[in-house]
Amino acid sequence: MGWFWTDATAVPTSAPHPLPRSSSSEPPPSCPMHNSSRKPTPPPAQLPPANDKESACPYKPGESETPTASPSYISKLNPLNYMPSNISNVKESTSQAVILPLEREASTIPRGDGTGTWEYPSPQQMYNAMLRKGYTDTPAEHVESMVAVHNFLNEGAWEEIKGWEQRFGRGLSAGWDACRKGEEGAIMEAMRRVRRGEVDAEPKLLRFMGRPNEPTPKARMLGFMAWLYPSQFPDNPPFDRHDWFVQRQHANGESREVRYVIDYYSGPPEPTGEPVFFLDVRPAVDGPTAACERMMRWGGDVWYKASGGSVREELARHKQAGGR
């Protein structure tokens, strides 16, 4: 999930690169963080010839220690989506028996650089990318429906992120005021704020990365509970995991980056055969603020129900309706 596309010309040169999977892998040679800490090994002390000015210094800025080494695969990836930047939008494989659409659908998700919204890949781009990743057994005629499901899930994930931002984009205090009213109360309060014209700045998606082989701590815990209590917890691990980096805009004009983790689950299909998916979207616990947000949203809903808040509001609505 989460294969947005971006052209190579839109990639900022200061964007970070992904960490290599192996500790022995070389970082991209253009990374200033690595270059600043790496120093060439000084050669044995020798006195240069007096008439040889070129050999007076054993190190010349800009020289590479391994000039014949080719750039690593990691350095060729687009740092905004960690996908190859040069995936073409034309038929490349001779085994592709059907013609796939080349049109790209625009998402509703704002880009962090302010240049509109993210674009989804076309079915042809998706198929070419899957072939590059080694998924050669995927029938080309299924790719168009896969792209439709992919886009639908990403839009759902963004709606979940917007729900978190509506609660906590104005700070923890305002977030608790919304959470203590329960999930339904928070949604109603957000709608009332919109009707009053109190519209908050919309969050933006800065970048994202797929991490399907790195289960989140919550997914690991649910898997352990399924092993410990198989009758109470289904053994249904997520089929994908993504990290989305979102720009949160505060009311005072300041902004900060918030990392969200998304677990993608599949459920039993509908009686009509349609697939069912579930998303678990929440802020990553990268600090005490994110931990408080998750505790407030869960605890606020539990407290609202346990204290009879839903019953009180229902009685108040009946009383108000009777007074009319």
C-alpha atoms as a PDB file:
ATOM      1  CA  MET A   1       0.000   0.000   0.000  1.00  0.00           C
ATOM      2  CA  GLY A   2       0.999   3.636  -0.238  1.00  0.00           C
ATOM      3  CA  TRP A   3       2.651   3.765  -3.668  1.00  0.00           C
ATOM      4  CA  PHE A   4       2.261   7.450  -4.412  1.00  0.00           C
ATOM      5  CA  TRP A   5       4.377   8.651  -7.280  1.00  0.00           C
ATOM      6  CA  THR A   6       6.563  11.695  -7.740  1.00  0.00           C
ATOM      7  CA  ASP A   7       8.818  12.704 -10.585  1.00  0.00           C
ATOM      8  CA  ALA A   8      12.543  12.853 -10.138  1.00  0.00           C
ATOM      9  CA  THR A   9      12.585  16.592 -10.805  1.00  0.00           C
ATOM     10  CA  ALA A  10      10.404  17.204  -7.745  1.00  0.00           C
ATOM     11  CA  VAL A  11      12.794  15.533  -5.325  1.00  0.00           C
ATOM     12  CA  PRO A  12      14.539  18.022  -3.036  1.00  0.00           C
ATOM     13  CA  THR A  13      18.273  17.492  -2.831  1.00  0.00           C
ATOM     14  CA  SER A  14      18.230  17.794   0.943  1.00  0.00           C
ATOM     15  CA  ALA A  15      15.788  14.925   1.501  1.00  0.00           C
ATOM     16  CA  PRO A  16      17.105  12.075   3.689  1.00  0.00           C
ATOM     17  CA  HIS A  17      17.975   8.674   2.312  1.00  0.00           C
ATOM     18  CA  PRO A  18      16.630   5.389   3.761  1.00  0.00           C
ATOM     19  CA  LEU A  19      18.854   3.414   6.069  1.00  0.00           C
ATOM     20  CA  PRO A  20      20.565   0.391   4.480  1.00  0.00           C
ATOM     21  CA  ARG A  21      19.271  -2.982   5.657  1.00  0.00           C
ATOM     22  CA  SER A  22      22.791  -4.344   6.142  1.00  0.00           C
ATOM     23  CA  SER A  23      25.332  -2.831   8.483  1.00  0.00           C
ATOM     24  CA  SER A  24      28.026  -3.465   5.879  1.00  0.00           C
ATOM     25  CA  SER A  25      26.208  -1.456   3.190  1.00  0.00           C
ATOM     26  CA  GLU A  26      27.745   1.810   2.091  1.00  0.00           C
ATOM     27  CA  PRO A  27      25.650   4.989   2.558  1.00  0.00           C
ATOM     28  CA  PRO A  28      24.939   7.159  -0.476  1.00  0.00           C
ATOM     29  CA  PRO A  29      28.089   9.137  -1.334  1.00  0.00           C
ATOM     30  CA  SER A  30      26.082  12.399  -1.428  1.00  0.00           C
ATOM     31  CA  CYS A  31      24.972  12.220   2.219  1.00  0.00           C
ATOM     32  CA  PRO A  32      26.584  15.140   4.114  1.00  0.00           C
ATOM     33  CA  MET A  33      26.012  13.463   7.484  1.00  0.00           C
ATOM     34  CA  HIS A  34      28.233  10.548   6.521  1.00  0.00           C
ATOM     35  CA  ASN A  35      30.774  12.578   4.566  1.00  0.00           C
ATOM     36  CA  SER A  36      31.385  14.923   7.465  1.00  0.00           C
ATOM     37  CA  SER A  37      32.389  12.068   9.760  1.00  0.00           C
ATOM     38  CA  ARG A  38      34.438  10.005   7.356  1.00  0.00           C
ATOM     39  CA  LYS A  39      38.093  10.864   7.018  1.00  0.00           C
ATOM     40  CA  PRO A  40      40.521   9.181   4.623  1.00  0.00           C
ATOM     41  CA  THR A  41      43.162   6.994   6.182  1.00  0.00           C
ATOM     42  CA  PRO A  42      46.427   8.945   6.055  1.00  0.00           C
ATOM     43  CA  PRO A  43      49.194   7.265   4.058  1.00  0.00           C
ATOM     44  CA  PRO A  44      52.619   6.540   5.549  1.00  0.00           C
ATOM     45  CA  ALA A  45      54.566   9.694   6.184  1.00  0.00           C
ATOM     46  CA  GLN A  46      56.682  10.573   3.158  1.00  0.00           C
ATOM     47  CA  LEU A  47      58.388  13.720   2.087  1.00  0.00           C
ATOM     48  CA  PRO A  48      57.079  14.755  -1.328  1.00  0.00           C
ATOM     49  CA  PRO A  49      59.549  15.708  -4.023  1.00  0.00           C
ATOM     50  CA  ALA A  50      60.356  19.375  -3.954  1.00  0.00           C
ATOM     51  CA  ASN A  51      59.377  19.899  -7.573  1.00  0.00           C
ATOM     52  CA  ASP A  52      56.149  17.884  -7.473  1.00  0.00           C
ATOM     53  CA  LYS A  53      53.392  20.322  -6.427  1.00  0.00           C
ATOM     54  CA  GLU A  54      50.534  17.958  -7.374  1.00  0.00           C
ATOM     55  CA  SER A  55      51.628  15.322  -4.833  1.00  0.00           C
ATOM     56  CA  ALA A  56      52.178  17.769  -1.990  1.00  0.00           C
ATOM     57  CA  CYS A  57      48.828  16.842  -0.366  1.00  0.00           C
ATOM     58  CA  PRO A  58      47.768  13.179  -0.124  1.00  0.00           C
ATOM     59  CA  TYR A  59      44.034  14.143   0.014  1.00  0.00           C
ATOM     60  CA  LYS A  60      42.165  16.254  -2.490  1.00  0.00           C
ATOM     61  CA  PRO A  61      38.593  17.398  -1.632  1.00  0.00           C
ATOM     62  CA  GLY A  62      36.045  15.737  -3.831  1.00  0.00           C
ATOM     63  CA  GLU A  63      38.065  12.610  -4.482  1.00  0.00           C
ATOM     64  CA  SER A  64      36.348   9.322  -3.745  1.00  0.00           C
ATOM     65  CA  GLU A  65      38.092   6.542  -1.870  1.00  0.00           C
ATOM     66  CA  THR A  66      36.594   4.037  -4.339  1.00  0.00           C
ATOM     67  CA  PRO A  67      36.339   5.923  -7.637  1.00  0.00           C
ATOM     68  CA  THR A  68      35.412   2.764  -9.530  1.00  0.00           C
ATOM     69  CA  ALA A  69      32.493   1.842  -7.201  1.00  0.00           C
ATOM     70  CA  SER A  70      29.042   2.216  -8.736  1.00  0.00           C
ATOM     71  CA  PRO A  71      26.276   4.036  -6.792  1.00  0.00           C
ATOM     72  CA  SER A  72      24.319   1.798  -4.440  1.00  0.00           C
ATOM     73  CA  TYR A  73      20.692   0.838  -5.096  1.00  0.00           C
ATOM     74  CA  ILE A  74      19.630   2.818  -2.012  1.00  0.00           C
ATOM     75  CA  SER A  75      21.079   6.043  -3.436  1.00  0.00           C
ATOM     76  CA  LYS A  76      18.986   5.642  -6.599  1.00  0.00           C
ATOM     77  CA  LEU A  77      15.661   5.604  -4.743  1.00  0.00           C
ATOM     78  CA  ASN A  78      13.355   8.588  -4.509  1.00  0.00           C
ATOM     79  CA  PRO A  79      13.618   9.734  -0.853  1.00  0.00           C
ATOM     80  CA  LEU A  80       9.958  10.835  -0.799  1.00  0.00           C
ATOM     81  CA  ASN A  81       8.511   7.395  -1.455  1.00  0.00           C
ATOM     82  CA  TYR A  82      11.557   5.091  -1.437  1.00  0.00           C
ATOM     83  CA  MET A  83      10.760   3.822  -4.918  1.00  0.00           C
ATOM     84  CA  PRO A  84      12.859   3.978  -8.097  1.00  0.00           C
ATOM     85  CA  SER A  85      12.553   7.426  -9.641  1.00  0.00           C
ATOM     86  CA  ASN A  86      12.753   6.272 -13.229  1.00  0.00           C
ATOM     87  CA  ILE A  87       9.841   3.816 -13.462  1.00  0.00           C
ATOM     88  CA  SER A  88       8.469   4.316 -16.960  1.00  0.00           C
ATOM     89  CA  ASN A  89       4.830   4.605 -17.898  1.00  0.00           C
ATOM     90  CA  VAL A  90       5.060   2.416 -20.992  1.00  0.00           C
ATOM     91  CA  LYS A  91       4.863  -1.309 -21.598  1.00  0.00           C
ATOM     92  CA  GLU A  92       8.270  -2.820 -20.874  1.00  0.00           C
ATOM     93  CA  SER A  93       7.726  -6.560 -20.507  1.00  0.00           C
ATOM     94  CA  THR A  94       7.058  -8.798 -23.496  1.00  0.00           C
ATOM     95  CA  SER A  95       5.046 -11.088 -21.219  1.00  0.00           C
ATOM     96  CA  GLN A  96       2.422  -8.374 -20.600  1.00  0.00           C
ATOM     97  CA  ALA A  97      -0.553  -9.655 -22.563  1.00  0.00           C
ATOM     98  CA  VAL A  98      -3.006  -6.800 -21.859  1.00  0.00           C
ATOM     99  CA  ILE A  99      -2.828  -3.049 -22.320  1.00  0.00           C
ATOM    100  CA  LEU A 100      -2.874  -1.225 -19.008  1.00  0.00           C
ATOM    101  CA  PRO A 101      -4.129   2.369 -18.542  1.00  0.00           C
ATOM    102  CA  LEU A 102      -1.498   5.100 -18.381  1.00  0.00           C
ATOM    103  CA  GLU A 103      -3.623   7.707 -16.572  1.00  0.00           C
ATOM    104  CA  ARG A 104      -2.613   8.659 -13.035  1.00  0.00           C
ATOM    105  CA  GLU A 105      -5.262   9.544 -10.466  1.00  0.00           C
ATOM    106  CA  ALA A 106      -4.738  12.538  -8.195  1.00  0.00           C
ATOM    107  CA  SER A 107      -5.248  11.879  -4.494  1.00  0.00           C
ATOM    108  CA  THR A 108      -6.800  14.237  -1.946  1.00  0.00           C
ATOM    109  CA  ILE A 109      -3.599  14.198   0.121  1.00  0.00           C
ATOM    110  CA  PRO A 110      -1.649  17.498   0.098  1.00  0.00           C
ATOM    111  CA  ARG A 111       2.060  17.312  -0.596  1.00  0.00           C
ATOM    112  CA  GLY A 112       4.445  18.683   1.984  1.00  0.00           C
ATOM    113  CA  ASP A 113       6.203  20.927  -0.539  1.00  0.00           C
ATOM    114  CA  GLY A 114       2.970  22.787  -1.314  1.00  0.00           C
ATOM    115  CA  THR A 115       2.818  21.720  -4.979  1.00  0.00           C
ATOM    116  CA  GLY A 116      -0.694  20.300  -4.945  1.00  0.00           C
ATOM    117  CA  THR A 117      -1.637  16.757  -4.018  1.00  0.00           C
ATOM    118  CA  TRP A 118       0.119  13.439  -4.350  1.00  0.00           C
ATOM    119  CA  GLU A 119      -0.557  11.390  -7.476  1.00  0.00           C
ATOM    120  CA  TYR A 120      -1.116   7.663  -7.531  1.00  0.00           C
ATOM    121  CA  PRO A 121       0.768   5.550 -10.050  1.00  0.00           C
ATOM    122  CA  SER A 122      -0.951   4.448 -13.202  1.00  0.00           C
ATOM    123  CA  PRO A 123      -1.672   0.725 -13.553  1.00  0.00           C
ATOM    124  CA  GLN A 124       1.188   0.500 -16.057  1.00  0.00           C
ATOM    125  CA  GLN A 125       3.608   2.134 -13.622  1.00  0.00           C
ATOM    126  CA  MET A 126       2.423  -0.153 -10.841  1.00  0.00           C
ATOM    127  CA  TYR A 127       2.995  -3.225 -12.987  1.00  0.00           C
ATOM    128  CA  ASN A 128       6.476  -2.074 -14.033  1.00  0.00           C
ATOM    129  CA  ALA A 129       7.369  -1.394 -10.404  1.00  0.00           C
ATOM    130  CA  MET A 130       6.142  -4.820  -9.329  1.00  0.00           C
ATOM    131  CA  LEU A 131       8.273  -6.464 -11.995  1.00  0.00           C
ATOM    132  CA  ARG A 132      11.331  -4.564 -10.758  1.00  0.00           C
ATOM    133  CA  LYS A 133      10.634  -5.733  -7.228  1.00  0.00           C
ATOM    134  CA  GLY A 134      10.504  -9.341  -8.385  1.00  0.00           C
ATOM    135  CA  TYR A 135       6.726  -9.906  -8.347  1.00  0.00           C
ATOM    136  CA  THR A 136       6.718 -11.552 -11.752  1.00  0.00           C
ATOM    137  CA  ASP A 137       3.831 -13.912 -10.970  1.00  0.00           C
ATOM    138  CA  THR A 138       1.192 -11.143 -10.776  1.00  0.00           C
ATOM    139  CA  PRO A 139      -1.213 -11.300 -13.750  1.00  0.00           C
ATOM    140  CA  ALA A 140      -1.251  -7.996 -15.588  1.00  0.00           C
ATOM    141  CA  GLU A 141      -5.044  -8.110 -15.931  1.00  0.00           C
ATOM    142  CA  HIS A 142      -5.378  -7.899 -12.126  1.00  0.00           C
ATOM    143  CA  VAL A 143      -3.244  -4.781 -11.711  1.00  0.00           C
ATOM    144  CA  GLU A 144      -5.978  -2.258 -12.521  1.00  0.00           C
ATOM    145  CA  SER A 145      -8.222  -3.536  -9.714  1.00  0.00           C
ATOM    146  CA  MET A 146      -5.211  -3.660  -7.388  1.00  0.00           C
ATOM    147  CA  VAL A 147      -4.544   0.022  -8.052  1.00  0.00           C
ATOM    148  CA  ALA A 148      -8.190   0.858  -7.283  1.00  0.00           C
ATOM    149  CA  VAL A 149      -8.029  -0.959  -3.923  1.00  0.00           C
ATOM    150  CA  HIS A 150      -4.640   0.597  -3.191  1.00  0.00           C
ATOM    151  CA  ASN A 151      -5.942   4.122  -3.801  1.00  0.00           C
ATOM    152  CA  PHE A 152      -9.076   3.478  -1.737  1.00  0.00           C
ATOM    153  CA  LEU A 153      -7.054   2.283   1.261  1.00  0.00           C
ATOM    154  CA  ASN A 154      -4.687   5.230   1.111  1.00  0.00           C
ATOM    155  CA  GLU A 155      -7.587   7.669   1.091  1.00  0.00           C
ATOM    156  CA  GLY A 156      -9.005   5.872   4.126  1.00  0.00           C
ATOM    157  CA  ALA A 157      -5.657   6.066   5.902  1.00  0.00           C
ATOM    158  CA  TRP A 158      -5.499   9.812   5.273  1.00  0.00           C
ATOM    159  CA  GLU A 159      -8.991  10.301   6.694  1.00  0.00           C
ATOM    160  CA  GLU A 160      -7.862   8.515   9.861  1.00  0.00           C
ATOM    161  CA  ILE A 161      -4.793  10.752  10.100  1.00  0.00           C
ATOM    162  CA  LYS A 162      -6.982  13.838   9.671  1.00  0.00           C
ATOM    163  CA  GLY A 163      -9.106  12.584  12.571  1.00  0.00           C
ATOM    164  CA  TRP A 164      -6.042  12.482  14.807  1.00  0.00           C
ATOM    165  CA  GLU A 165      -4.933  15.912  13.630  1.00  0.00           C
ATOM    166  CA  GLN A 166      -8.379  17.422  14.260  1.00  0.00           C
ATOM    167  CA  ARG A 167      -8.125  16.291  17.866  1.00  0.00           C
ATOM    168  CA  PHE A 168      -4.517  17.122  18.654  1.00  0.00           C
ATOM    169  CA  GLY A 169      -3.455  19.692  16.065  1.00  0.00           C
ATOM    170  CA  ARG A 170      -4.371  22.433  18.552  1.00  0.00           C
ATOM    171  CA  GLY A 171      -2.472  20.882  21.453  1.00  0.00           C
ATOM    172  CA  LEU A 172      -3.016  18.293  24.158  1.00  0.00           C
ATOM    173  CA  SER A 173      -5.481  20.387  26.137  1.00  0.00           C
ATOM    174  CA  ALA A 174      -7.821  20.842  23.184  1.00  0.00           C
ATOM    175  CA  GLY A 175      -7.265  17.206  22.300  1.00  0.00           C
ATOM    176  CA  TRP A 176      -8.488  16.055  25.698  1.00  0.00           C
ATOM    177  CA  ASP A 177     -11.548  18.299  25.458  1.00  0.00           C
ATOM    178  CA  ALA A 178     -12.460  16.403  22.289  1.00  0.00           C
ATOM    179  CA  CYS A 179     -11.480  12.916  23.473  1.00  0.00           C
ATOM    180  CA  ARG A 180     -13.369  13.050  26.748  1.00  0.00           C
ATOM    181  CA  LYS A 181     -16.593  13.254  24.730  1.00  0.00           C
ATOM    182  CA  GLY A 182     -15.949   9.875  23.139  1.00  0.00           C
ATOM    183  CA  GLU A 183     -15.406   9.056  19.501  1.00  0.00           C
ATOM    184  CA  GLU A 184     -18.863  10.145  18.379  1.00  0.00           C
ATOM    185  CA  GLY A 185     -18.741  13.294  20.479  1.00  0.00           C
ATOM    186  CA  ALA A 186     -15.367  14.263  19.016  1.00  0.00           C
ATOM    187  CA  ILE A 187     -16.699  13.850  15.491  1.00  0.00           C
ATOM    188  CA  MET A 188     -19.765  15.951  16.267  1.00  0.00           C
ATOM    189  CA  GLU A 189     -17.612  18.649  17.859  1.00  0.00           C
ATOM    190  CA  ALA A 190     -15.387  18.766  14.773  1.00  0.00           C
ATOM    191  CA  MET A 191     -18.472  19.217  12.581  1.00  0.00           C
ATOM    192  CA  ARG A 192     -19.759  22.020  14.803  1.00  0.00           C
ATOM    193  CA  ARG A 193     -16.386  23.789  14.581  1.00  0.00           C
ATOM    194  CA  VAL A 194     -16.519  23.618  10.797  1.00  0.00           C
ATOM    195  CA  ARG A 195     -20.028  25.111  10.768  1.00  0.00           C
ATOM    196  CA  ARG A 196     -18.773  27.949  12.981  1.00  0.00           C
ATOM    197  CA  GLY A 197     -15.978  28.609  10.516  1.00  0.00           C
ATOM    198  CA  GLU A 198     -13.235  27.395  12.846  1.00  0.00           C
ATOM    199  CA  VAL A 199     -11.212  25.542  10.243  1.00  0.00           C
ATOM    200  CA  ASP A 200      -7.742  24.353  11.209  1.00  0.00           C
ATOM    201  CA  ALA A 201      -4.812  24.203   8.839  1.00  0.00           C
ATOM    202  CA  GLU A 202      -4.858  20.942   6.921  1.00  0.00           C
ATOM    203  CA  PRO A 203      -1.978  18.546   7.544  1.00  0.00           C
ATOM    204  CA  LYS A 204       0.329  17.570   4.688  1.00  0.00           C
ATOM    205  CA  LEU A 205       2.085  14.358   3.806  1.00  0.00           C
ATOM    206  CA  LEU A 206       5.828  14.948   3.632  1.00  0.00           C
ATOM    207  CA  ARG A 207       7.006  11.457   2.694  1.00  0.00           C
ATOM    208  CA  PHE A 208       6.318   7.812   3.455  1.00  0.00           C
ATOM    209  CA  MET A 209       7.962   4.418   3.411  1.00  0.00           C
ATOM    210  CA  GLY A 210       6.774   0.831   3.336  1.00  0.00           C
ATOM    211  CA  ARG A 211       8.071  -1.542   6.006  1.00  0.00           C
ATOM    212  CA  PRO A 212       6.170  -4.814   5.415  1.00  0.00           C
ATOM    213  CA  ASN A 213       8.884  -6.950   6.999  1.00  0.00           C
ATOM    214  CA  GLU A 214       9.087  -4.896  10.213  1.00  0.00           C
ATOM    215  CA  PRO A 215       5.967  -5.531  12.343  1.00  0.00           C
ATOM    216  CA  THR A 216       4.999  -2.766  14.736  1.00  0.00           C
ATOM    217  CA  PRO A 217       5.173  -3.433  18.491  1.00  0.00           C
ATOM    218  CA  LYS A 218       1.366  -3.475  18.608  1.00  0.00           C
ATOM    219  CA  ALA A 219       1.174  -6.060  15.822  1.00  0.00           C
ATOM    220  CA  ARG A 220       3.753  -8.198  17.623  1.00  0.00           C
ATOM    221  CA  MET A 221       1.776  -7.969  20.846  1.00  0.00           C
ATOM    222  CA  LEU A 222      -1.475  -8.964  19.105  1.00  0.00           C
ATOM    223  CA  GLY A 223       0.317 -11.889  17.496  1.00  0.00           C
ATOM    224  CA  PHE A 224       1.558 -13.020  20.901  1.00  0.00           C
ATOM    225  CA  MET A 225      -1.946 -12.750  22.374  1.00  0.00           C
ATOM    226  CA  ALA A 226      -3.301 -14.806  19.454  1.00  0.00           C
ATOM    227  CA  TRP A 227      -0.762 -17.495  20.286  1.00  0.00           C
ATOM    228  CA  LEU A 228      -1.530 -17.313  24.006  1.00  0.00           C
ATOM    229  CA  TYR A 229      -5.346 -17.075  23.713  1.00  0.00           C
ATOM    230  CA  PRO A 230      -6.267 -18.409  20.256  1.00  0.00           C
ATOM    231  CA  SER A 231      -9.979 -18.505  21.065  1.00  0.00           C
ATOM    232  CA  GLN A 232     -10.124 -14.788  21.921  1.00  0.00           C
ATOM    233  CA  PHE A 233      -7.613 -13.197  19.541  1.00  0.00           C
ATOM    234  CA  PRO A 234      -7.620 -14.064  15.826  1.00  0.00           C
ATOM    235  CA  ASP A 235      -4.324 -15.018  14.249  1.00  0.00           C
ATOM    236  CA  ASN A 236      -4.464 -12.330  11.586  1.00  0.00           C
ATOM    237  CA  PRO A 237      -1.162 -10.473  11.220  1.00  0.00           C
ATOM    238  CA  PRO A 238      -1.118  -7.320   9.068  1.00  0.00           C
ATOM    239  CA  PHE A 239      -0.232  -7.911   5.440  1.00  0.00           C
ATOM    240  CA  ASP A 240       1.523  -4.542   5.151  1.00  0.00           C
ATOM    241  CA  ARG A 241       2.910  -1.735   7.279  1.00  0.00           C
ATOM    242  CA  HIS A 242       3.681   1.863   6.353  1.00  0.00           C
ATOM    243  CA  ASP A 243       5.167   4.882   8.066  1.00  0.00           C
ATOM    244  CA  TRP A 244       3.763   8.235   6.973  1.00  0.00           C
ATOM    245  CA  PHE A 245       5.540  11.475   7.933  1.00  0.00           C
ATOM    246  CA  VAL A 246       2.991  14.255   8.308  1.00  0.00           C
ATOM    247  CA  GLN A 247       3.456  17.991   8.737  1.00  0.00           C
ATOM    248  CA  ARG A 248       1.287  19.245  11.593  1.00  0.00           C
ATOM    249  CA  GLN A 249       0.464  22.944  11.395  1.00  0.00           C
ATOM    250  CA  HIS A 250      -0.195  24.659  14.725  1.00  0.00           C
ATOM    251  CA  ALA A 251      -2.461  27.672  15.237  1.00  0.00           C
ATOM    252  CA  ASN A 252       0.522  29.932  16.005  1.00  0.00           C
ATOM    253  CA  GLY A 253       2.028  29.260  12.583  1.00  0.00           C
ATOM    254  CA  GLU A 254       4.608  26.761  13.732  1.00  0.00           C
ATOM    255  CA  SER A 255       4.770  23.273  12.279  1.00  0.00           C
ATOM    256  CA  ARG A 256       6.390  19.996  13.219  1.00  0.00           C
ATOM    257  CA  GLU A 257       6.745  16.544  11.777  1.00  0.00           C
ATOM    258  CA  VAL A 258       4.645  13.683  13.158  1.00  0.00           C
ATOM    259  CA  ARG A 259       5.249  10.064  12.199  1.00  0.00           C
ATOM    260  CA  TYR A 260       2.194   7.833  11.822  1.00  0.00           C
ATOM    261  CA  VAL A 261       2.274   4.050  11.627  1.00  0.00           C
ATOM    262  CA  ILE A 262      -0.333   2.182   9.590  1.00  0.00           C
ATOM    263  CA  ASP A 263      -1.053  -1.536   9.832  1.00  0.00           C
ATOM    264  CA  TYR A 264      -3.099  -3.025   6.993  1.00  0.00           C
ATOM    265  CA  TYR A 265      -5.301  -6.021   7.865  1.00  0.00           C
ATOM    266  CA  SER A 266      -7.521  -8.198   5.706  1.00  0.00           C
ATOM    267  CA  GLY A 267     -10.818  -9.581   6.984  1.00  0.00           C
ATOM    268  CA  PRO A 268     -13.266 -12.250   5.875  1.00  0.00           C
ATOM    269  CA  PRO A 269     -14.743 -11.397   2.472  1.00  0.00           C
ATOM    270  CA  GLU A 270     -18.285 -10.156   2.083  1.00  0.00           C
ATOM    271  CA  PRO A 271     -20.998 -12.667   1.093  1.00  0.00           C
ATOM    272  CA  THR A 272     -20.789 -11.159  -2.385  1.00  0.00           C
ATOM    273  CA  GLY A 273     -17.086 -12.010  -2.546  1.00  0.00           C
ATOM    274  CA  GLU A 274     -15.772  -8.454  -2.109  1.00  0.00           C
ATOM    275  CA  PRO A 275     -12.577  -8.210  -0.047  1.00  0.00           C
ATOM    276  CA  VAL A 276     -12.610  -6.529   3.368  1.00  0.00           C
ATOM    277  CA  PHE A 277      -9.736  -4.532   4.825  1.00  0.00           C
ATOM    278  CA  PHE A 278      -9.052  -2.850   8.154  1.00  0.00           C
ATOM    279  CA  LEU A 279      -6.628  -0.038   8.923  1.00  0.00           C
ATOM    280  CA  ASP A 280      -4.972   0.634  12.263  1.00  0.00           C
ATOM    281  CA  VAL A 281      -3.648   4.200  12.077  1.00  0.00           C
ATOM    282  CA  ARG A 282      -2.005   5.927  15.043  1.00  0.00           C
ATOM    283  CA  PRO A 283       0.891   8.257  15.880  1.00  0.00           C
ATOM    284  CA  ALA A 284       4.189   6.485  16.412  1.00  0.00           C
ATOM    285  CA  VAL A 285       5.387   6.663  20.002  1.00  0.00           C
ATOM    286  CA  ASP A 286       8.452   8.760  19.208  1.00  0.00           C
ATOM    287  CA  GLY A 287       8.090  10.839  22.361  1.00  0.00           C
ATOM    288  CA  PRO A 288       5.876  11.623  25.354  1.00  0.00           C
ATOM    289  CA  THR A 289       3.486  13.801  23.320  1.00  0.00           C
ATOM    290  CA  ALA A 290       2.536  10.981  20.951  1.00  0.00           C
ATOM    291  CA  ALA A 291       2.161   8.587  23.884  1.00  0.00           C
ATOM    292  CA  CYS A 292      -0.213  11.037  25.603  1.00  0.00           C
ATOM    293  CA  GLU A 293      -2.259  11.432  22.436  1.00  0.00           C
ATOM    294  CA  ARG A 294      -2.788   7.709  22.099  1.00  0.00           C
ATOM    295  CA  MET A 295      -3.654   7.332  25.792  1.00  0.00           C
ATOM    296  CA  MET A 296      -6.069  10.266  25.677  1.00  0.00           C
ATOM    297  CA  ARG A 297      -7.968   8.999  22.664  1.00  0.00           C
ATOM    298  CA  TRP A 298      -8.308   5.463  24.009  1.00  0.00           C
ATOM    299  CA  GLY A 299      -8.874   6.495  27.623  1.00  0.00           C
ATOM    300  CA  GLY A 300     -11.259   9.306  26.736  1.00  0.00           C
ATOM    301  CA  ASP A 301     -13.580   6.980  24.849  1.00  0.00           C
ATOM    302  CA  VAL A 302     -13.468   4.379  27.636  1.00  0.00           C
ATOM    303  CA  TRP A 303     -14.204   7.014  30.286  1.00  0.00           C
ATOM    304  CA  TYR A 304     -17.040   8.497  28.233  1.00  0.00           C
ATOM    305  CA  LYS A 305     -18.786   5.137  27.948  1.00  0.00           C
ATOM    306  CA  ALA A 306     -18.049   3.975  31.513  1.00  0.00           C
ATOM    307  CA  SER A 307     -19.289   7.226  33.056  1.00  0.00           C
ATOM    308  CA  GLY A 308     -22.582   7.077  31.175  1.00  0.00           C
ATOM    309  CA  GLY A 309     -21.840   9.996  28.906  1.00  0.00           C
ATOM    310  CA  SER A 310     -23.707   8.493  25.971  1.00  0.00           C
ATOM    311  CA  VAL A 311     -26.777   7.906  28.159  1.00  0.00           C
ATOM    312  CA  ARG A 312     -26.716  11.463  29.479  1.00  0.00           C
ATOM    313  CA  GLU A 313     -26.517  12.914  25.995  1.00  0.00           C
ATOM    314  CA  GLU A 314     -29.357  10.707  24.789  1.00  0.00           C
ATOM    315  CA  LEU A 315     -31.556  11.841  27.693  1.00  0.00           C
ATOM    316  CA  ALA A 316     -30.651  15.457  26.974  1.00  0.00           C
ATOM    317  CA  ARG A 317     -31.669  15.061  23.334  1.00  0.00           C
ATOM    318  CA  HIS A 318     -35.010  13.535  24.306  1.00  0.00           C
ATOM    319  CA  LYS A 319     -35.610  16.318  26.804  1.00  0.00           C
ATOM    320  CA  GLN A 320     -34.785  18.956  24.219  1.00  0.00           C
ATOM    321  CA  ALA A 321     -37.048  17.308  21.664  1.00  0.00           C
ATOM    322  CA  GLY A 322     -39.919  17.112  24.182  1.00  0.00           C
ATOM    323  CA  GLY A 323     -39.568  20.801  25.041  1.00  0.00           C
ATOM    324  CA  ARG A 324     -40.249  21.720  21.453  1.00  0.00           C
END
